[in-house]
PDB file of N, CA and C in Angstrom:
ATOM      1  N   MET A   1      72.555  -3.125 -85.724  1.00  0.00           N
ATOM      2  CA  MET A   1      71.917  -2.213 -85.146  1.00  0.00           C
ATOM      3  C   MET A   1      72.249  -1.700 -83.635  1.00  0.00           C
ATOM      4  N   ALA A   2      73.101  -0.759 -83.131  1.00  0.00           N
ATOM      5  CA  ALA A   2      73.690  -0.506 -81.972  1.00  0.00           C
ATOM      6  C   ALA A   2      72.181  -0.247 -81.096  1.00  0.00           C
ATOM      7  N   GLY A   3      72.208  -0.796 -79.916  1.00  0.00           N
ATOM      8  CA  GLY A   3      71.073  -0.431 -78.983  1.00  0.00           C
ATOM      9  C   GLY A   3      69.961  -1.218 -78.954  1.00  0.00           C
ATOM     10  N   VAL A   4      69.932  -2.222 -79.912  1.00  0.00           N
ATOM     11  CA  VAL A   4      68.732  -3.225 -80.158  1.00  0.00           C
ATOM     12  C   VAL A   4      69.083  -4.451 -79.430  1.00  0.00           C
ATOM     13  N   GLY A   5      67.889  -4.728 -78.485  1.00  0.00           N
ATOM     14  CA  GLY A   5      68.274  -6.109 -77.867  1.00  0.00           C
ATOM     15  C   GLY A   5      67.164  -6.968 -78.250  1.00  0.00           C
ATOM     16  N   LEU A   6      67.547  -8.091 -77.510  1.00  0.00           N
ATOM     17  CA  LEU A   6      66.376  -9.399 -77.706  1.00  0.00           C
ATOM     18  C   LEU A   6      65.248  -9.355 -77.058  1.00  0.00           C
ATOM     19  N   THR A   7      65.253  -8.249 -76.066  1.00  0.00           N
ATOM     20  CA  THR A   7      64.017  -8.215 -75.190  1.00  0.00           C
ATOM     21  C   THR A   7      63.432  -6.610 -75.021  1.00  0.00           C
ATOM     22  N   PRO A   8      62.288  -6.642 -74.594  1.00  0.00           N
ATOM     23  CA  PRO A   8      61.778  -5.221 -74.391  1.00  0.00           C
ATOM     24  C   PRO A   8      62.666  -4.537 -73.533  1.00  0.00           C
ATOM     25  N   TYR A   9      63.039  -5.044 -72.286  1.00  0.00           N
ATOM     26  CA  TYR A   9      63.773  -4.468 -71.065  1.00  0.00           C
ATOM     27  C   TYR A   9      64.976  -4.699 -71.669  1.00  0.00           C
ATOM     28  N   GLN A  10      65.800  -3.538 -71.172  1.00  0.00           N
ATOM     29  CA  GLN A  10      67.221  -3.757 -71.221  1.00  0.00           C
ATOM     30  C   GLN A  10      67.947  -3.442 -69.905  1.00  0.00           C
ATOM     31  N   GLY A  11      67.469  -3.540 -68.907  1.00  0.00           N
ATOM     32  CA  GLY A  11      68.037  -2.931 -67.635  1.00  0.00           C
ATOM     33  C   GLY A  11      68.788  -4.070 -66.899  1.00  0.00           C
ATOM     34  N   LYS A  12      69.340  -3.915 -65.802  1.00  0.00           N
ATOM     35  CA  LYS A  12      70.001  -4.975 -65.011  1.00  0.00           C
ATOM     36  C   LYS A  12      69.271  -5.887 -64.276  1.00  0.00           C
ATOM     37  N   MET A  13      67.894  -5.291 -63.625  1.00  0.00           N
ATOM     38  CA  MET A  13      67.021  -5.988 -62.848  1.00  0.00           C
ATOM     39  C   MET A  13      66.540  -6.763 -63.340  1.00  0.00           C
ATOM     40  N   ARG A  14      65.838  -7.811 -62.489  1.00  0.00           N
ATOM     41  CA  ARG A  14      64.918  -8.795 -63.003  1.00  0.00           C
ATOM     42  C   ARG A  14      63.585  -8.176 -63.057  1.00  0.00           C
ATOM     43  N   ALA A  15      62.717  -8.729 -64.319  1.00  0.00           N
ATOM     44  CA  ALA A  15      61.651  -8.256 -64.849  1.00  0.00           C
ATOM     45  C   ALA A  15      60.543  -9.409 -64.705  1.00  0.00           C
ATOM     46  N   CYS A  16      59.199  -8.941 -64.952  1.00  0.00           N
ATOM     47  CA  CYS A  16      58.086 -10.312 -64.927  1.00  0.00           C
ATOM     48  C   CYS A  16      58.088 -10.184 -66.592  1.00  0.00           C
ATOM     49  N   GLY A  17      58.125 -11.603 -67.049  1.00  0.00           N
ATOM     50  CA  GLY A  17      57.876 -11.674 -68.617  1.00  0.00           C
ATOM     51  C   GLY A  17      56.643 -12.254 -69.034  1.00  0.00           C
ATOM     52  N   MET A  18      56.177 -11.845 -70.218  1.00  0.00           N
ATOM     53  CA  MET A  18      55.029 -12.932 -70.753  1.00  0.00           C
ATOM     54  C   MET A  18      55.942 -13.328 -71.975  1.00  0.00           C
ATOM     55  N   PHE A  19      55.808 -14.807 -72.195  1.00  0.00           N
ATOM     56  CA  PHE A  19      56.131 -15.423 -73.325  1.00  0.00           C
ATOM     57  C   PHE A  19      55.294 -16.264 -74.317  1.00  0.00           C
ATOM     58  N   HIS A  20      55.597 -16.169 -75.486  1.00  0.00           N
ATOM     59  CA  HIS A  20      54.559 -16.917 -76.392  1.00  0.00           C
ATOM     60  C   HIS A  20      55.470 -17.698 -77.422  1.00  0.00           C
ATOM     61  N   CYS A  21      55.225 -19.240 -77.728  1.00  0.00           N
ATOM     62  CA  CYS A  21      55.934 -19.909 -78.383  1.00  0.00           C
ATOM     63  C   CYS A  21      54.952 -19.944 -79.636  1.00  0.00           C
ATOM     64  N   LYS A  22      55.477 -19.243 -80.716  1.00  0.00           N
ATOM     65  CA  LYS A  22      54.822 -19.680 -81.798  1.00  0.00           C
ATOM     66  C   LYS A  22      54.503 -20.911 -82.421  1.00  0.00           C
ATOM     67  N   LYS A  23      55.667 -21.828 -82.189  1.00  0.00           N
ATOM     68  CA  LYS A  23      55.838 -22.916 -82.817  1.00  0.00           C
ATOM     69  C   LYS A  23      54.544 -24.061 -82.190  1.00  0.00           C
ATOM     70  N   CYS A  24      54.443 -23.851 -81.011  1.00  0.00           N
ATOM     71  CA  CYS A  24      53.360 -24.538 -80.192  1.00  0.00           C
ATOM     72  C   CYS A  24      52.343 -24.075 -79.645  1.00  0.00           C
ATOM     73  N   ASP A  25      52.203 -22.574 -79.922  1.00  0.00           N
ATOM     74  CA  ASP A  25      51.256 -21.698 -79.575  1.00  0.00           C
ATOM     75  C   ASP A  25      50.805 -21.947 -77.961  1.00  0.00           C
ATOM     76  N   LYS A  26      51.757 -21.957 -77.323  1.00  0.00           N
ATOM     77  CA  LYS A  26      51.958 -22.111 -75.685  1.00  0.00           C
ATOM     78  C   LYS A  26      52.278 -20.339 -75.073  1.00  0.00           C
ATOM     79  N   ASN A  27      51.620 -20.238 -74.135  1.00  0.00           N
ATOM     80  CA  ASN A  27      51.901 -18.898 -73.363  1.00  0.00           C
ATOM     81  C   ASN A  27      52.322 -19.336 -72.045  1.00  0.00           C
ATOM     82  N   TRP A  28      53.339 -18.147 -71.428  1.00  0.00           N
ATOM     83  CA  TRP A  28      53.562 -18.541 -70.119  1.00  0.00           C
ATOM     84  C   TRP A  28      53.860 -17.054 -69.444  1.00  0.00           C
ATOM     85  N   PHE A  29      53.775 -17.357 -68.011  1.00  0.00           N
ATOM     86  CA  PHE A  29      54.090 -15.744 -67.184  1.00  0.00           C
ATOM     87  C   PHE A  29      55.362 -16.306 -66.491  1.00  0.00           C
ATOM     88  N   SER A  30      56.302 -15.428 -66.424  1.00  0.00           N
ATOM     89  CA  SER A  30      57.544 -15.680 -65.366  1.00  0.00           C
ATOM     90  C   SER A  30      57.884 -14.390 -64.757  1.00  0.00           C
ATOM     91  N   ALA A  31      58.107 -14.470 -63.183  1.00  0.00           N
ATOM     92  CA  ALA A  31      58.524 -13.536 -62.560  1.00  0.00           C
ATOM     93  C   ALA A  31      59.835 -13.279 -62.716  1.00  0.00           C
ATOM     94  N   ASN A  32      60.586 -14.132 -63.134  1.00  0.00           N
ATOM     95  CA  ASN A  32      62.101 -14.238 -63.283  1.00  0.00           C
ATOM     96  C   ASN A  32      62.378 -14.202 -64.700  1.00  0.00           C
ATOM     97  N   SER A  33      62.307 -12.666 -65.256  1.00  0.00           N
ATOM     98  CA  SER A  33      62.719 -12.480 -66.658  1.00  0.00           C
ATOM     99  C   SER A  33      63.816 -11.500 -66.603  1.00  0.00           C
ATOM    100  N   TRP A  34      64.504 -11.625 -67.702  1.00  0.00           N
ATOM    101  CA  TRP A  34      65.611 -10.894 -67.680  1.00  0.00           C
ATOM    102  C   TRP A  34      66.082 -10.253 -68.984  1.00  0.00           C
ATOM    103  N   ALA A  35      66.689  -8.966 -69.141  1.00  0.00           N
ATOM    104  CA  ALA A  35      67.106  -8.559 -70.477  1.00  0.00           C
ATOM    105  C   ALA A  35      67.807  -9.586 -71.382  1.00  0.00           C
ATOM    106  N   ASN A  36      67.442  -9.907 -72.586  1.00  0.00           N
ATOM    107  CA  ASN A  36      68.197 -10.582 -73.726  1.00  0.00           C
ATOM    108  C   ASN A  36      68.412 -12.079 -73.128  1.00  0.00           C
ATOM    109  N   THR A  37      67.471 -12.467 -72.521  1.00  0.00           N
ATOM    110  CA  THR A  37      67.774 -13.966 -71.545  1.00  0.00           C
ATOM    111  C   THR A  37      66.502 -14.725 -72.115  1.00  0.00           C
ATOM    112  N   PHE A  38      66.516 -15.714 -72.686  1.00  0.00           N
ATOM    113  CA  PHE A  38      65.460 -16.452 -73.266  1.00  0.00           C
ATOM    114  C   PHE A  38      64.943 -17.502 -72.054  1.00  0.00           C
ATOM    115  N   GLN A  39      63.897 -18.206 -72.284  1.00  0.00           N
ATOM    116  CA  GLN A  39      63.170 -19.298 -71.390  1.00  0.00           C
ATOM    117  C   GLN A  39      62.925 -20.527 -72.610  1.00  0.00           C
ATOM    118  N   LYS A  40      63.198 -21.493 -72.196  1.00  0.00           N
ATOM    119  CA  LYS A  40      62.726 -22.524 -73.167  1.00  0.00           C
ATOM    120  C   LYS A  40      61.236 -23.137 -73.249  1.00  0.00           C
ATOM    121  N   CYS A  41      60.905 -23.362 -74.057  1.00  0.00           N
ATOM    122  CA  CYS A  41      59.266 -23.918 -74.176  1.00  0.00           C
ATOM    123  C   CYS A  41      59.406 -25.390 -73.685  1.00  0.00           C
ATOM    124  N   LYS A  42      58.405 -25.562 -72.789  1.00  0.00           N
ATOM    125  CA  LYS A  42      58.110 -27.090 -72.510  1.00  0.00           C
ATOM    126  C   LYS A  42      57.621 -27.650 -73.511  1.00  0.00           C
ATOM    127  N   GLY A  43      56.827 -27.117 -74.391  1.00  0.00           N
ATOM    128  CA  GLY A  43      56.427 -28.176 -75.603  1.00  0.00           C
ATOM    129  C   GLY A  43      57.608 -28.492 -76.678  1.00  0.00           C
ATOM    130  N   CYS A  44      58.205 -27.598 -76.970  1.00  0.00           N
ATOM    131  CA  CYS A  44      58.940 -27.860 -78.247  1.00  0.00           C
ATOM    132  C   CYS A  44      60.597 -27.643 -77.949  1.00  0.00           C
ATOM    133  N   ASN A  45      60.835 -27.095 -76.492  1.00  0.00           N
ATOM    134  CA  ASN A  45      62.155 -26.886 -76.018  1.00  0.00           C
ATOM    135  C   ASN A  45      62.933 -25.646 -76.905  1.00  0.00           C
ATOM    136  N   GLY A  46      62.168 -24.742 -77.878  1.00  0.00           N
ATOM    137  CA  GLY A  46      62.689 -23.615 -78.437  1.00  0.00           C
ATOM    138  C   GLY A  46      63.223 -22.748 -77.552  1.00  0.00           C
ATOM    139  N   LYS A  47      63.724 -22.044 -77.687  1.00  0.00           N
ATOM    140  CA  LYS A  47      64.414 -20.548 -76.968  1.00  0.00           C
ATOM    141  C   LYS A  47      63.573 -19.519 -77.338  1.00  0.00           C
ATOM    142  N   ILE A  48      62.825 -19.137 -76.169  1.00  0.00           N
ATOM    143  CA  ILE A  48      61.674 -17.770 -76.497  1.00  0.00           C
ATOM    144  C   ILE A  48      61.948 -16.712 -75.774  1.00  0.00           C
ATOM    145  N   TYR A  49      62.025 -15.725 -76.248  1.00  0.00           N
ATOM    146  CA  TYR A  49      62.439 -14.169 -75.485  1.00  0.00           C
ATOM    147  C   TYR A  49      61.071 -13.922 -75.219  1.00  0.00           C
ATOM    148  N   PRO A  50      60.871 -13.320 -74.149  1.00  0.00           N
ATOM    149  CA  PRO A  50      59.756 -12.593 -74.010  1.00  0.00           C
ATOM    150  C   PRO A  50      59.479 -11.425 -74.578  1.00  0.00           C
ATOM    151  N   TYR A  51      57.916 -11.199 -75.107  1.00  0.00           N
ATOM    152  CA  TYR A  51      57.423 -10.151 -76.032  1.00  0.00           C
ATOM    153  C   TYR A  51      56.865  -9.084 -75.134  1.00  0.00           C
ATOM    154  N   LYS A  52      56.849  -9.229 -73.659  1.00  0.00           N
ATOM    155  CA  LYS A  52      56.263  -8.161 -73.033  1.00  0.00           C
ATOM    156  C   LYS A  52      57.370  -8.314 -71.803  1.00  0.00           C
ATOM    157  N   GLN A  53      57.670  -7.231 -71.031  1.00  0.00           N
ATOM    158  CA  GLN A  53      58.293  -7.211 -69.699  1.00  0.00           C
ATOM    159  C   GLN A  53      57.908  -5.967 -68.955  1.00  0.00           C
ATOM    160  N   PHE A  54      57.534  -6.296 -67.741  1.00  0.00           N
ATOM    161  CA  PHE A  54      57.379  -5.265 -66.744  1.00  0.00           C
ATOM    162  C   PHE A  54      57.771  -5.385 -65.534  1.00  0.00           C
ATOM    163  N   GLN A  55      57.716  -4.208 -64.596  1.00  0.00           N
ATOM    164  CA  GLN A  55      58.078  -4.244 -63.334  1.00  0.00           C
ATOM    165  C   GLN A  55      57.577  -5.402 -62.197  1.00  0.00           C
ATOM    166  N   PRO A  56      58.372  -5.959 -61.643  1.00  0.00           N
ATOM    167  CA  PRO A  56      57.516  -6.831 -60.711  1.00  0.00           C
ATOM    168  C   PRO A  56      56.652  -6.479 -59.468  1.00  0.00           C
ATOM    169  N   TRP A  57      55.745  -6.677 -59.110  1.00  0.00           N
ATOM    170  CA  TRP A  57      54.924  -6.167 -58.132  1.00  0.00           C
ATOM    171  C   TRP A  57      55.407  -6.523 -56.525  1.00  0.00           C
ATOM    172  N   LYS A  58      55.289  -5.523 -55.926  1.00  0.00           N
ATOM    173  CA  LYS A  58      55.899  -5.216 -54.625  1.00  0.00           C
ATOM    174  C   LYS A  58      54.919  -5.792 -53.620  1.00  0.00           C
ATOM    175  N   GLY A  59      54.840  -7.164 -53.235  1.00  0.00           N
ATOM    176  CA  GLY A  59      54.151  -7.549 -52.309  1.00  0.00           C
ATOM    177  C   GLY A  59      54.905  -8.135 -51.150  1.00  0.00           C
ATOM    178  N   THR A  60      54.020  -8.014 -50.097  1.00  0.00           N
ATOM    179  CA  THR A  60      54.942  -8.496 -48.616  1.00  0.00           C
ATOM    180  C   THR A  60      54.192  -9.833 -48.374  1.00  0.00           C
ATOM    181  N   GLY A  61      53.055 -10.164 -48.870  1.00  0.00           N
ATOM    182  CA  GLY A  61      52.552 -11.560 -48.497  1.00  0.00           C
ATOM    183  C   GLY A  61      53.153 -12.961 -49.059  1.00  0.00           C
ATOM    184  N   ALA A  62      52.883 -13.949 -48.768  1.00  0.00           N
ATOM    185  CA  ALA A  62      53.569 -15.198 -49.389  1.00  0.00           C
ATOM    186  C   ALA A  62      53.177 -15.548 -50.666  1.00  0.00           C
ATOM    187  N   ARG A  63      53.551 -16.077 -51.366  1.00  0.00           N
ATOM    188  CA  ARG A  63      53.096 -16.500 -52.875  1.00  0.00           C
ATOM    189  C   ARG A  63      52.873 -17.919 -52.667  1.00  0.00           C
ATOM    190  N   LYS A  64      51.055 -17.936 -52.771  1.00  0.00           N
ATOM    191  CA  LYS A  64      50.745 -19.273 -52.609  1.00  0.00           C
ATOM    192  C   LYS A  64      50.124 -19.626 -54.126  1.00  0.00           C
ATOM    193  N   GLY A  65      50.173 -21.087 -54.144  1.00  0.00           N
ATOM    194  CA  GLY A  65      49.833 -21.462 -55.504  1.00  0.00           C
ATOM    195  C   GLY A  65      50.770 -21.281 -56.887  1.00  0.00           C
ATOM    196  N   ILE A  66      51.915 -20.477 -56.606  1.00  0.00           N
ATOM    197  CA  ILE A  66      52.790 -20.312 -57.744  1.00  0.00           C
ATOM    198  C   ILE A  66      53.786 -21.382 -57.727  1.00  0.00           C
ATOM    199  N   PRO A  67      53.653 -22.081 -59.090  1.00  0.00           N
ATOM    200  CA  PRO A  67      54.731 -23.126 -59.262  1.00  0.00           C
ATOM    201  C   PRO A  67      56.275 -22.412 -58.975  1.00  0.00           C
ATOM    202  N   PRO A  68      57.273 -23.347 -58.754  1.00  0.00           N
ATOM    203  CA  PRO A  68      58.570 -23.026 -58.355  1.00  0.00           C
ATOM    204  C   PRO A  68      58.988 -22.773 -60.004  1.00  0.00           C
ATOM    205  N   HIS A  69      60.009 -21.826 -60.033  1.00  0.00           N
ATOM    206  CA  HIS A  69      60.760 -21.281 -61.337  1.00  0.00           C
ATOM    207  C   HIS A  69      61.262 -22.683 -61.899  1.00  0.00           C
ATOM    208  N   PRO A  70      61.185 -22.495 -63.267  1.00  0.00           N
ATOM    209  CA  PRO A  70      61.743 -24.118 -63.989  1.00  0.00           C
ATOM    210  C   PRO A  70      63.268 -23.637 -64.459  1.00  0.00           C
ATOM    211  N   GLN A  71      64.166 -24.085 -63.186  1.00  0.00           N
ATOM    212  CA  GLN A  71      65.701 -23.582 -63.526  1.00  0.00           C
ATOM    213  C   GLN A  71      66.033 -24.416 -65.041  1.00  0.00           C
ATOM    214  N   ASN A  72      65.750 -25.416 -65.238  1.00  0.00           N
ATOM    215  CA  ASN A  72      66.160 -26.323 -66.156  1.00  0.00           C
ATOM    216  C   ASN A  72      65.720 -25.656 -67.964  1.00  0.00           C
ATOM    217  N   LEU A  73      64.726 -24.773 -67.597  1.00  0.00           N
ATOM    218  CA  LEU A  73      64.380 -24.202 -68.587  1.00  0.00           C
ATOM    219  C   LEU A  73      64.918 -22.683 -69.094  1.00  0.00           C
ATOM    220  N   CYS A  74      65.645 -22.119 -67.874  1.00  0.00           N
ATOM    221  CA  CYS A  74      65.855 -20.744 -68.046  1.00  0.00           C
ATOM    222  C   CYS A  74      67.465 -20.609 -68.241  1.00  0.00           C
ATOM    223  N   GLN A  75      67.640 -19.635 -69.172  1.00  0.00           N
ATOM    224  CA  GLN A  75      68.794 -19.625 -69.547  1.00  0.00           C
ATOM    225  C   GLN A  75      69.855 -18.817 -68.420  1.00  0.00           C
ATOM    226  N   ARG A  76      69.169 -17.839 -67.747  1.00  0.00           N
ATOM    227  CA  ARG A  76      70.157 -17.282 -66.708  1.00  0.00           C
ATOM    228  C   ARG A  76      70.472 -18.281 -65.586  1.00  0.00           C
ATOM    229  N   CYS A  77      69.588 -19.119 -65.424  1.00  0.00           N
ATOM    230  CA  CYS A  77      69.653 -20.250 -64.274  1.00  0.00           C
ATOM    231  C   CYS A  77      70.815 -21.170 -64.709  1.00  0.00           C
ATOM    232  N   MET A  78      70.725 -21.643 -66.045  1.00  0.00           N
ATOM    233  CA  MET A  78      71.607 -22.465 -66.536  1.00  0.00           C
ATOM    234  C   MET A  78      73.006 -21.828 -66.794  1.00  0.00           C
ATOM    235  N   LYS A  79      73.155 -20.645 -67.121  1.00  0.00           N
ATOM    236  CA  LYS A  79      74.317 -20.133 -66.724  1.00  0.00           C
ATOM    237  C   LYS A  79      75.110 -19.826 -65.582  1.00  0.00           C
ATOM    238  N   LEU A  80      74.391 -19.247 -64.622  1.00  0.00           N
ATOM    239  CA  LEU A  80      74.795 -19.357 -63.353  1.00  0.00           C
ATOM    240  C   LEU A  80      74.863 -20.710 -62.597  1.00  0.00           C
ATOM    241  N   GLY A  81      73.866 -21.800 -62.982  1.00  0.00           N
ATOM    242  CA  GLY A  81      74.495 -22.932 -62.409  1.00  0.00           C
ATOM    243  C   GLY A  81      73.253 -22.956 -60.959  1.00  0.00           C
ATOM    244  N   ARG A  82      72.595 -22.205 -60.839  1.00  0.00           N
ATOM    245  CA  ARG A  82      71.523 -21.951 -59.738  1.00  0.00           C
ATOM    246  C   ARG A  82      70.336 -21.027 -60.119  1.00  0.00           C
ATOM    247  N   PHE A  83      69.316 -20.883 -59.225  1.00  0.00           N
ATOM    248  CA  PHE A  83      68.325 -20.301 -59.108  1.00  0.00           C
ATOM    249  C   PHE A  83      68.767 -18.821 -59.725  1.00  0.00           C
ATOM    250  N   CYS A  84      68.007 -18.207 -60.774  1.00  0.00           N
ATOM    251  CA  CYS A  84      68.647 -16.629 -61.251  1.00  0.00           C
ATOM    252  C   CYS A  84      67.902 -15.718 -60.377  1.00  0.00           C
ATOM    253  N   GLY A  85      66.981 -15.955 -59.435  1.00  0.00           N
ATOM    254  CA  GLY A  85      66.247 -15.062 -58.554  1.00  0.00           C
ATOM    255  C   GLY A  85      67.192 -14.587 -57.504  1.00  0.00           C
ATOM    256  N   LEU A  86      68.053 -15.231 -57.039  1.00  0.00           N
ATOM    257  CA  LEU A  86      69.284 -14.917 -55.939  1.00  0.00           C
ATOM    258  C   LEU A  86      70.101 -13.837 -56.410  1.00  0.00           C
ATOM    259  N   THR A  87      70.008 -13.436 -57.727  1.00  0.00           N
ATOM    260  CA  THR A  87      70.847 -12.444 -58.344  1.00  0.00           C
ATOM    261  C   THR A  87      70.428 -11.022 -57.954  1.00  0.00           C
ATOM    262  N   ILE A  88      69.087 -11.135 -57.562  1.00  0.00           N
ATOM    263  CA  ILE A  88      68.472  -9.844 -57.008  1.00  0.00           C
ATOM    264  C   ILE A  88      69.364  -9.398 -55.899  1.00  0.00           C
ATOM    265  N   ARG A  89      69.499 -10.066 -54.939  1.00  0.00           N
ATOM    266  CA  ARG A  89      70.179  -9.371 -53.671  1.00  0.00           C
ATOM    267  C   ARG A  89      71.431  -8.677 -54.006  1.00  0.00           C
ATOM    268  N   LYS A  90      72.288  -9.043 -55.246  1.00  0.00           N
ATOM    269  CA  LYS A  90      73.514  -8.360 -55.462  1.00  0.00           C
ATOM    270  C   LYS A  90      73.192  -6.893 -56.073  1.00  0.00           C
ATOM    271  N   TYR A  91      72.218  -6.973 -56.644  1.00  0.00           N
ATOM    272  CA  TYR A  91      71.700  -5.453 -57.369  1.00  0.00           C
ATOM    273  C   TYR A  91      71.073  -4.490 -56.213  1.00  0.00           C
ATOM    274  N   MET A  92      70.613  -5.246 -55.356  1.00  0.00           N
ATOM    275  CA  MET A  92      69.766  -4.425 -54.245  1.00  0.00           C
ATOM    276  C   MET A  92      70.973  -3.966 -53.286  1.00  0.00           C
ATOM    277  N   ALA A  93      71.797  -4.549 -53.097  1.00  0.00           N
ATOM    278  CA  ALA A  93      72.977  -4.093 -52.196  1.00  0.00           C
ATOM    279  C   ALA A  93      74.029  -3.021 -52.792  1.00  0.00           C
ATOM    280  N   GLU A  94      73.857  -2.907 -53.820  1.00  0.00           N
ATOM    281  CA  GLU A  94      74.486  -1.907 -54.730  1.00  0.00           C
ATOM    282  C   GLU A  94      73.862  -0.387 -54.802  1.00  0.00           C
ATOM    283  N   GLU A  95      72.689  -0.540 -54.562  1.00  0.00           N
ATOM    284  CA  GLU A  95      71.740   0.826 -54.336  1.00  0.00           C
ATOM    285  C   GLU A  95      72.239   1.545 -53.378  1.00  0.00           C
TER     286      GLU A  95
END
């Protein structure tokens, strides 16, 4: 089927994503979620795509108490060989 993706969001920008591993029954949130991109489950190492994605919050304050993005579990980080959040600057410069 043309136009059907692996994730709800199909844009180029970063999104926030909600993940659920059915095998382990683990849930997690990521502020670095991308279209058609999985994150690996910490429990079983399965490739999990977000079931819900939404626009990131726009805040000016420092992020306190939020753990660092697990680059070793993120498909985009693994593909880029670095933190995928740095990709945001590229798209912001193009606007």
